[in-house]
Amino acid sequence: MFSNRYIFIFSTIMVVVVAVLLALAATALKPFQDQNVRVEKMQYILNSAHIENTTKDAETLYNQHVFAEYLVNPKGEITGMYSKDEKTGSARPFDVDFKVQLKQYNENKSGEFPVYLCAKDADTLYVFPMLGKGLWGPIWGYIALKSDLNTVEGAVFDHKGETPGLGAEIATPIFQSQFPGKTIFDKNDSLASIVLVKGGKSNGLYRPEHDVDAISGGTITSNGTSKMIKDCLSIYLPFISKLKKN
């Protein structure tokens, strides 16, 4: 029989050894995990622009198509730029934490927000990130506008924990296929945004040029997605307005 002292010492040593091994494993795996996150982000951006990609070729295609990254402030001023020929600002836009910037904006109307310029079929697309709240947690996405800065080329959405078959439908191709061709401005050039309307075309409030069908049984996620789109596009509105004037 082992003494209590022996068992205690042995258990302590094992705990320390396991903790050290786990720490070493986490440290060794972190670069791979970080790269996976970067590739996933590149895929979101490419998918919003309807550029087919895989995890293997996403980085190559991103570098081929995304020719510039901007940082813009709430006044619509470009505060940073990253491209093959020019690098200005305090950080690369791709590496900026959108969640942190959004928090600053909500607190004091400050922050720097990334915009991705993407070349596709002789057109320049402007890709804007989005972040909001669903029923069970955060939802996010990217929306790509054509060079008129009004017409949607495409949009992608994802979530952390929405209900499968309900709110989680925002991440499906069927739902996202409703967005291409929609416009975000009305005839008076005011932000109309894109609203997920319950009942779709049968609803008298449905605007064919702007809106999409809401998710059946996913009212809270649908409302959260509508709010996310409007809130995030509103941040970029001064930047978009300046570009349209030029």
C-alpha atoms as a PDB file:
ATOM      1  CA  MET A   1       0.000   0.000   0.000  1.00  0.00           C
ATOM      2  CA  PHE A   2       1.214   3.470  -0.849  1.00  0.00           C
ATOM      3  CA  SER A   3       1.268   6.065   1.887  1.00  0.00           C
ATOM      4  CA  ASN A   4      -0.889   9.162   1.714  1.00  0.00           C
ATOM      5  CA  ARG A   5       2.266  11.236   1.364  1.00  0.00           C
ATOM      6  CA  TYR A   6       3.388   9.209  -1.658  1.00  0.00           C
ATOM      7  CA  ILE A   7      -0.034   9.483  -3.305  1.00  0.00           C
ATOM      8  CA  PHE A   8      -0.109  13.241  -2.708  1.00  0.00           C
ATOM      9  CA  ILE A   9       3.380  13.782  -4.145  1.00  0.00           C
ATOM     10  CA  PHE A  10       2.705  11.519  -7.138  1.00  0.00           C
ATOM     11  CA  SER A  11      -0.615  13.253  -7.873  1.00  0.00           C
ATOM     12  CA  THR A  12       0.994  16.679  -7.634  1.00  0.00           C
ATOM     13  CA  ILE A  13       3.795  15.688 -10.008  1.00  0.00           C
ATOM     14  CA  MET A  14       1.301  14.264 -12.506  1.00  0.00           C
ATOM     15  CA  VAL A  15      -0.821  17.413 -12.396  1.00  0.00           C
ATOM     16  CA  VAL A  16       2.241  19.576 -13.035  1.00  0.00           C
ATOM     17  CA  VAL A  17       3.486  17.327 -15.852  1.00  0.00           C
ATOM     18  CA  VAL A  18       0.080  17.272 -17.567  1.00  0.00           C
ATOM     19  CA  ALA A  19      -0.269  21.052 -17.197  1.00  0.00           C
ATOM     20  CA  VAL A  20       3.166  21.599 -18.745  1.00  0.00           C
ATOM     21  CA  LEU A  21       2.389  19.229 -21.628  1.00  0.00           C
ATOM     22  CA  LEU A  22      -0.930  20.956 -22.306  1.00  0.00           C
ATOM     23  CA  ALA A  23       0.740  24.367 -22.243  1.00  0.00           C
ATOM     24  CA  LEU A  24       3.423  23.191 -24.662  1.00  0.00           C
ATOM     25  CA  ALA A  25       0.801  21.673 -26.953  1.00  0.00           C
ATOM     26  CA  ALA A  26      -1.250  24.874 -26.932  1.00  0.00           C
ATOM     27  CA  THR A  27       1.841  26.947 -27.716  1.00  0.00           C
ATOM     28  CA  ALA A  28       2.858  24.630 -30.535  1.00  0.00           C
ATOM     29  CA  LEU A  29      -0.627  24.583 -32.061  1.00  0.00           C
ATOM     30  CA  LYS A  30      -1.354  28.326 -31.774  1.00  0.00           C
ATOM     31  CA  PRO A  31       0.362  29.324 -35.071  1.00  0.00           C
ATOM     32  CA  PHE A  32      -1.722  26.718 -36.912  1.00  0.00           C
ATOM     33  CA  GLN A  33      -4.901  27.854 -35.181  1.00  0.00           C
ATOM     34  CA  ASP A  34      -4.168  31.500 -35.985  1.00  0.00           C
ATOM     35  CA  GLN A  35      -3.559  30.616 -39.630  1.00  0.00           C
ATOM     36  CA  ASN A  36      -6.838  28.706 -39.783  1.00  0.00           C
ATOM     37  CA  VAL A  37      -8.665  31.770 -38.455  1.00  0.00           C
ATOM     38  CA  ARG A  38      -6.992  33.974 -41.087  1.00  0.00           C
ATOM     39  CA  VAL A  39      -7.886  31.582 -43.897  1.00  0.00           C
ATOM     40  CA  GLU A  40     -11.484  31.367 -42.705  1.00  0.00           C
ATOM     41  CA  LYS A  41     -11.708  35.165 -42.718  1.00  0.00           C
ATOM     42  CA  MET A  42     -10.296  35.282 -46.248  1.00  0.00           C
ATOM     43  CA  GLN A  43     -12.897  32.734 -47.305  1.00  0.00           C
ATOM     44  CA  TYR A  44     -15.710  34.854 -45.871  1.00  0.00           C
ATOM     45  CA  ILE A  45     -14.496  37.856 -47.861  1.00  0.00           C
ATOM     46  CA  LEU A  46     -14.063  35.863 -51.075  1.00  0.00           C
ATOM     47  CA  ASN A  47     -17.425  34.144 -50.654  1.00  0.00           C
ATOM     48  CA  SER A  48     -19.207  37.462 -50.237  1.00  0.00           C
ATOM     49  CA  ALA A  49     -17.729  38.450 -53.609  1.00  0.00           C
ATOM     50  CA  HIS A  50     -18.795  35.102 -55.120  1.00  0.00           C
ATOM     51  CA  ILE A  51     -15.225  34.001 -55.775  1.00  0.00           C
ATOM     52  CA  GLU A  52     -15.031  30.232 -55.459  1.00  0.00           C
ATOM     53  CA  ASN A  53     -12.289  29.026 -53.133  1.00  0.00           C
ATOM     54  CA  THR A  54     -11.152  26.261 -50.825  1.00  0.00           C
ATOM     55  CA  THR A  55      -9.111  26.269 -47.649  1.00  0.00           C
ATOM     56  CA  LYS A  56      -6.094  25.312 -49.752  1.00  0.00           C
ATOM     57  CA  ASP A  57      -6.272  28.150 -52.295  1.00  0.00           C
ATOM     58  CA  ALA A  58      -8.073  30.859 -50.287  1.00  0.00           C
ATOM     59  CA  GLU A  59      -4.931  32.809 -49.406  1.00  0.00           C
ATOM     60  CA  THR A  60      -3.661  32.739 -53.001  1.00  0.00           C
ATOM     61  CA  LEU A  61      -7.025  33.868 -54.373  1.00  0.00           C
ATOM     62  CA  TYR A  62      -7.324  36.536 -51.692  1.00  0.00           C
ATOM     63  CA  ASN A  63      -3.977  38.018 -52.700  1.00  0.00           C
ATOM     64  CA  GLN A  64      -4.993  37.877 -56.362  1.00  0.00           C
ATOM     65  CA  HIS A  65      -8.376  39.562 -55.976  1.00  0.00           C
ATOM     66  CA  VAL A  66      -8.197  41.791 -52.888  1.00  0.00           C
ATOM     67  CA  PHE A  67      -5.904  44.532 -54.122  1.00  0.00           C
ATOM     68  CA  ALA A  68      -6.353  46.977 -51.227  1.00  0.00           C
ATOM     69  CA  GLU A  69      -7.519  47.126 -47.639  1.00  0.00           C
ATOM     70  CA  TYR A  70      -8.670  50.402 -46.078  1.00  0.00           C
ATOM     71  CA  LEU A  71      -9.212  51.584 -42.544  1.00  0.00           C
ATOM     72  CA  VAL A  72     -11.894  54.266 -42.343  1.00  0.00           C
ATOM     73  CA  ASN A  73     -13.166  56.304 -39.411  1.00  0.00           C
ATOM     74  CA  PRO A  74     -16.793  57.287 -38.688  1.00  0.00           C
ATOM     75  CA  LYS A  75     -16.261  60.522 -40.646  1.00  0.00           C
ATOM     76  CA  GLY A  76     -15.558  58.502 -43.767  1.00  0.00           C
ATOM     77  CA  GLU A  77     -11.869  59.390 -43.829  1.00  0.00           C
ATOM     78  CA  ILE A  78      -9.313  56.791 -44.865  1.00  0.00           C
ATOM     79  CA  THR A  79      -6.913  56.477 -41.924  1.00  0.00           C
ATOM     80  CA  GLY A  80      -4.919  53.489 -43.139  1.00  0.00           C
ATOM     81  CA  MET A  81      -4.249  51.488 -46.275  1.00  0.00           C
ATOM     82  CA  TYR A  82      -2.603  48.206 -47.110  1.00  0.00           C
ATOM     83  CA  SER A  83      -1.703  47.112 -50.633  1.00  0.00           C
ATOM     84  CA  LYS A  84       1.267  45.802 -52.570  1.00  0.00           C
ATOM     85  CA  ASP A  85       2.475  49.341 -53.210  1.00  0.00           C
ATOM     86  CA  GLU A  86       1.383  51.240 -50.129  1.00  0.00           C
ATOM     87  CA  LYS A  87       1.177  50.591 -46.400  1.00  0.00           C
ATOM     88  CA  THR A  88      -0.062  53.376 -44.125  1.00  0.00           C
ATOM     89  CA  GLY A  89      -1.754  53.572 -40.754  1.00  0.00           C
ATOM     90  CA  SER A  90      -1.152  51.964 -37.392  1.00  0.00           C
ATOM     91  CA  ALA A  91      -2.152  48.428 -38.407  1.00  0.00           C
ATOM     92  CA  ARG A  92      -3.049  46.291 -41.374  1.00  0.00           C
ATOM     93  CA  PRO A  93      -6.830  46.534 -41.810  1.00  0.00           C
ATOM     94  CA  PHE A  94      -7.142  42.749 -42.104  1.00  0.00           C
ATOM     95  CA  ASP A  95      -5.702  42.366 -38.595  1.00  0.00           C
ATOM     96  CA  VAL A  96      -7.952  44.937 -36.927  1.00  0.00           C
ATOM     97  CA  ASP A  97     -10.422  43.476 -34.428  1.00  0.00           C
ATOM     98  CA  PHE A  98     -13.802  44.599 -35.751  1.00  0.00           C
ATOM     99  CA  LYS A  99     -15.493  43.756 -32.453  1.00  0.00           C
ATOM    100  CA  VAL A 100     -13.197  46.113 -30.534  1.00  0.00           C
ATOM    101  CA  GLN A 101     -13.732  48.920 -33.039  1.00  0.00           C
ATOM    102  CA  LEU A 102     -17.493  48.426 -32.937  1.00  0.00           C
ATOM    103  CA  LYS A 103     -17.440  48.691 -29.152  1.00  0.00           C
ATOM    104  CA  GLN A 104     -15.517  51.975 -29.381  1.00  0.00           C
ATOM    105  CA  TYR A 105     -18.026  53.278 -31.895  1.00  0.00           C
ATOM    106  CA  ASN A 106     -20.975  52.410 -29.681  1.00  0.00           C
ATOM    107  CA  GLU A 107     -19.287  54.060 -26.689  1.00  0.00           C
ATOM    108  CA  ASN A 108     -17.997  57.299 -28.202  1.00  0.00           C
ATOM    109  CA  LYS A 109     -18.474  57.219 -32.009  1.00  0.00           C
ATOM    110  CA  SER A 110     -14.794  56.495 -32.650  1.00  0.00           C
ATOM    111  CA  GLY A 111     -12.923  53.560 -34.154  1.00  0.00           C
ATOM    112  CA  GLU A 112     -11.294  52.433 -37.385  1.00  0.00           C
ATOM    113  CA  PHE A 113     -13.135  49.998 -39.611  1.00  0.00           C
ATOM    114  CA  PRO A 114     -11.807  47.763 -42.399  1.00  0.00           C
ATOM    115  CA  VAL A 115     -12.955  47.834 -46.025  1.00  0.00           C
ATOM    116  CA  TYR A 116     -11.734  45.320 -48.590  1.00  0.00           C
ATOM    117  CA  LEU A 117     -11.423  46.281 -52.264  1.00  0.00           C
ATOM    118  CA  CYS A 118     -11.806  43.272 -54.492  1.00  0.00           C
ATOM    119  CA  ALA A 119     -11.255  43.003 -58.252  1.00  0.00           C
ATOM    120  CA  LYS A 120     -13.713  40.766 -60.065  1.00  0.00           C
ATOM    121  CA  ASP A 121     -14.729  40.675 -63.739  1.00  0.00           C
ATOM    122  CA  ALA A 122     -13.350  44.169 -64.455  1.00  0.00           C
ATOM    123  CA  ASP A 123     -15.350  45.589 -61.540  1.00  0.00           C
ATOM    124  CA  THR A 124     -14.260  46.780 -58.112  1.00  0.00           C
ATOM    125  CA  LEU A 125     -16.231  45.357 -55.225  1.00  0.00           C
ATOM    126  CA  TYR A 126     -16.277  46.876 -51.746  1.00  0.00           C
ATOM    127  CA  VAL A 127     -16.556  44.314 -48.956  1.00  0.00           C
ATOM    128  CA  PHE A 128     -17.742  45.407 -45.510  1.00  0.00           C
ATOM    129  CA  PRO A 129     -17.665  43.274 -42.349  1.00  0.00           C
ATOM    130  CA  MET A 130     -20.674  43.048 -40.029  1.00  0.00           C
ATOM    131  CA  LEU A 131     -21.203  41.926 -36.443  1.00  0.00           C
ATOM    132  CA  GLY A 132     -24.389  41.622 -34.424  1.00  0.00           C
ATOM    133  CA  LYS A 133     -26.436  39.523 -32.013  1.00  0.00           C
ATOM    134  CA  GLY A 134     -28.667  36.546 -32.725  1.00  0.00           C
ATOM    135  CA  LEU A 135     -30.840  34.557 -30.348  1.00  0.00           C
ATOM    136  CA  TRP A 136     -28.077  32.641 -28.585  1.00  0.00           C
ATOM    137  CA  GLY A 137     -24.932  34.625 -29.298  1.00  0.00           C
ATOM    138  CA  PRO A 138     -22.980  36.634 -31.845  1.00  0.00           C
ATOM    139  CA  ILE A 139     -23.730  36.593 -35.555  1.00  0.00           C
ATOM    140  CA  TRP A 140     -21.464  38.058 -38.211  1.00  0.00           C
ATOM    141  CA  GLY A 141     -21.034  38.408 -41.926  1.00  0.00           C
ATOM    142  CA  TYR A 142     -19.614  40.258 -44.912  1.00  0.00           C
ATOM    143  CA  ILE A 143     -21.498  42.131 -47.615  1.00  0.00           C
ATOM    144  CA  ALA A 144     -19.958  42.970 -50.999  1.00  0.00           C
ATOM    145  CA  LEU A 145     -21.203  45.983 -52.956  1.00  0.00           C
ATOM    146  CA  LYS A 146     -20.597  46.573 -56.635  1.00  0.00           C
ATOM    147  CA  SER A 147     -18.714  49.656 -57.820  1.00  0.00           C
ATOM    148  CA  ASP A 148     -21.931  51.721 -57.691  1.00  0.00           C
ATOM    149  CA  LEU A 149     -21.761  51.217 -53.900  1.00  0.00           C
ATOM    150  CA  ASN A 150     -25.438  50.374 -53.913  1.00  0.00           C
ATOM    151  CA  THR A 151     -26.014  47.006 -55.562  1.00  0.00           C
ATOM    152  CA  VAL A 152     -25.179  43.882 -53.589  1.00  0.00           C
ATOM    153  CA  GLU A 153     -22.841  41.413 -55.256  1.00  0.00           C
ATOM    154  CA  GLY A 154     -23.216  38.923 -52.435  1.00  0.00           C
ATOM    155  CA  ALA A 155     -23.357  38.413 -48.690  1.00  0.00           C
ATOM    156  CA  VAL A 156     -22.293  35.705 -46.268  1.00  0.00           C
ATOM    157  CA  PHE A 157     -23.372  35.169 -42.689  1.00  0.00           C
ATOM    158  CA  ASP A 158     -22.359  32.889 -39.858  1.00  0.00           C
ATOM    159  CA  HIS A 159     -23.133  32.372 -36.199  1.00  0.00           C
ATOM    160  CA  LYS A 160     -21.810  30.915 -32.984  1.00  0.00           C
ATOM    161  CA  GLY A 161     -24.805  29.046 -31.632  1.00  0.00           C
ATOM    162  CA  GLU A 162     -28.079  29.705 -33.438  1.00  0.00           C
ATOM    163  CA  THR A 163     -30.662  26.922 -33.517  1.00  0.00           C
ATOM    164  CA  PRO A 164     -30.169  24.366 -36.327  1.00  0.00           C
ATOM    165  CA  GLY A 165     -32.998  24.539 -38.852  1.00  0.00           C
ATOM    166  CA  LEU A 166     -34.063  27.940 -37.538  1.00  0.00           C
ATOM    167  CA  GLY A 167     -31.697  30.854 -36.868  1.00  0.00           C
ATOM    168  CA  ALA A 168     -28.728  28.848 -38.116  1.00  0.00           C
ATOM    169  CA  GLU A 169     -30.226  29.104 -41.614  1.00  0.00           C
ATOM    170  CA  ILE A 170     -28.478  32.469 -42.058  1.00  0.00           C
ATOM    171  CA  ALA A 171     -25.313  30.482 -42.802  1.00  0.00           C
ATOM    172  CA  THR A 172     -26.894  28.485 -45.643  1.00  0.00           C
ATOM    173  CA  PRO A 173     -26.461  29.138 -49.383  1.00  0.00           C
ATOM    174  CA  ILE A 174     -30.251  29.175 -49.867  1.00  0.00           C
ATOM    175  CA  PHE A 175     -30.708  32.089 -47.485  1.00  0.00           C
ATOM    176  CA  GLN A 176     -27.664  33.982 -48.734  1.00  0.00           C
ATOM    177  CA  SER A 177     -28.731  33.576 -52.383  1.00  0.00           C
ATOM    178  CA  GLN A 178     -31.467  36.170 -51.793  1.00  0.00           C
ATOM    179  CA  PHE A 179     -29.000  39.044 -51.453  1.00  0.00           C
ATOM    180  CA  PRO A 180     -27.325  39.460 -54.883  1.00  0.00           C
ATOM    181  CA  GLY A 181     -28.996  42.256 -56.825  1.00  0.00           C
ATOM    182  CA  LYS A 182     -30.577  43.945 -53.808  1.00  0.00           C
ATOM    183  CA  THR A 183     -29.830  47.633 -53.278  1.00  0.00           C
ATOM    184  CA  ILE A 184     -29.076  49.385 -49.998  1.00  0.00           C
ATOM    185  CA  PHE A 185     -30.157  52.919 -51.003  1.00  0.00           C
ATOM    186  CA  ASP A 186     -33.627  54.120 -51.971  1.00  0.00           C
ATOM    187  CA  LYS A 187     -34.543  56.487 -54.815  1.00  0.00           C
ATOM    188  CA  ASN A 188     -33.720  59.474 -52.605  1.00  0.00           C
ATOM    189  CA  ASP A 189     -30.236  58.055 -51.951  1.00  0.00           C
ATOM    190  CA  SER A 190     -31.088  57.421 -48.309  1.00  0.00           C
ATOM    191  CA  LEU A 191     -29.953  54.225 -46.632  1.00  0.00           C
ATOM    192  CA  ALA A 192     -32.768  51.702 -47.008  1.00  0.00           C
ATOM    193  CA  SER A 193     -30.580  48.822 -45.850  1.00  0.00           C
ATOM    194  CA  ILE A 194     -31.800  45.239 -46.286  1.00  0.00           C
ATOM    195  CA  VAL A 195     -34.511  43.911 -44.012  1.00  0.00           C
ATOM    196  CA  LEU A 196     -35.468  40.302 -43.361  1.00  0.00           C
ATOM    197  CA  VAL A 197     -39.258  40.472 -43.700  1.00  0.00           C
ATOM    198  CA  LYS A 198     -41.524  37.839 -42.181  1.00  0.00           C
ATOM    199  CA  GLY A 199     -43.718  36.364 -44.890  1.00  0.00           C
ATOM    200  CA  GLY A 200     -41.531  37.790 -47.628  1.00  0.00           C
ATOM    201  CA  LYS A 201     -43.327  39.010 -50.738  1.00  0.00           C
ATOM    202  CA  SER A 202     -46.744  38.334 -49.220  1.00  0.00           C
ATOM    203  CA  ASN A 203     -46.049  40.952 -46.546  1.00  0.00           C
ATOM    204  CA  GLY A 204     -47.239  44.422 -47.502  1.00  0.00           C
ATOM    205  CA  LEU A 205     -44.090  45.923 -45.985  1.00  0.00           C
ATOM    206  CA  TYR A 206     -41.809  43.916 -48.288  1.00  0.00           C
ATOM    207  CA  ARG A 207     -39.681  46.070 -50.622  1.00  0.00           C
ATOM    208  CA  PRO A 208     -38.614  43.900 -53.583  1.00  0.00           C
ATOM    209  CA  GLU A 209     -35.538  45.964 -54.387  1.00  0.00           C
ATOM    210  CA  HIS A 210     -34.246  45.938 -50.813  1.00  0.00           C
ATOM    211  CA  ASP A 211     -35.658  43.134 -48.690  1.00  0.00           C
ATOM    212  CA  VAL A 212     -35.347  39.351 -48.336  1.00  0.00           C
ATOM    213  CA  ASP A 213     -37.486  36.639 -46.778  1.00  0.00           C
ATOM    214  CA  ALA A 214     -37.011  36.226 -43.049  1.00  0.00           C
ATOM    215  CA  ILE A 215     -36.192  32.835 -41.583  1.00  0.00           C
ATOM    216  CA  SER A 216     -39.267  30.806 -40.741  1.00  0.00           C
ATOM    217  CA  GLY A 217     -39.294  30.203 -36.992  1.00  0.00           C
ATOM    218  CA  GLY A 218     -36.190  32.344 -36.506  1.00  0.00           C
ATOM    219  CA  THR A 219     -37.713  35.717 -35.689  1.00  0.00           C
ATOM    220  CA  ILE A 220     -35.092  36.884 -33.198  1.00  0.00           C
ATOM    221  CA  THR A 221     -32.186  35.868 -35.445  1.00  0.00           C
ATOM    222  CA  SER A 222     -33.904  37.508 -38.429  1.00  0.00           C
ATOM    223  CA  ASN A 223     -34.412  40.746 -36.515  1.00  0.00           C
ATOM    224  CA  GLY A 224     -30.829  40.598 -35.268  1.00  0.00           C
ATOM    225  CA  THR A 225     -29.533  40.127 -38.805  1.00  0.00           C
ATOM    226  CA  SER A 226     -31.583  43.073 -40.086  1.00  0.00           C
ATOM    227  CA  LYS A 227     -30.277  45.246 -37.253  1.00  0.00           C
ATOM    228  CA  MET A 228     -26.702  44.103 -37.856  1.00  0.00           C
ATOM    229  CA  ILE A 229     -26.844  44.989 -41.552  1.00  0.00           C
ATOM    230  CA  LYS A 230     -28.314  48.441 -40.920  1.00  0.00           C
ATOM    231  CA  ASP A 231     -26.085  49.302 -37.958  1.00  0.00           C
ATOM    232  CA  CYS A 232     -22.867  48.280 -39.692  1.00  0.00           C
ATOM    233  CA  LEU A 233     -23.702  49.887 -43.030  1.00  0.00           C
ATOM    234  CA  SER A 234     -24.560  53.081 -41.131  1.00  0.00           C
ATOM    235  CA  ILE A 235     -21.009  53.227 -39.787  1.00  0.00           C
ATOM    236  CA  TYR A 236     -19.659  53.092 -43.328  1.00  0.00           C
ATOM    237  CA  LEU A 237     -22.240  55.525 -44.721  1.00  0.00           C
ATOM    238  CA  PRO A 238     -19.961  58.624 -44.606  1.00  0.00           C
ATOM    239  CA  PHE A 239     -17.226  56.681 -46.421  1.00  0.00           C
ATOM    240  CA  ILE A 240     -19.659  55.386 -49.034  1.00  0.00           C
ATOM    241  CA  SER A 241     -21.157  58.850 -49.532  1.00  0.00           C
ATOM    242  CA  LYS A 242     -17.728  60.383 -50.115  1.00  0.00           C
ATOM    243  CA  LEU A 243     -16.817  57.747 -52.679  1.00  0.00           C
ATOM    244  CA  LYS A 244     -20.110  58.155 -54.524  1.00  0.00           C
ATOM    245  CA  LYS A 245     -19.586  61.924 -54.762  1.00  0.00           C
ATOM    246  CA  ASN A 246     -16.139  61.394 -56.239  1.00  0.00           C
END
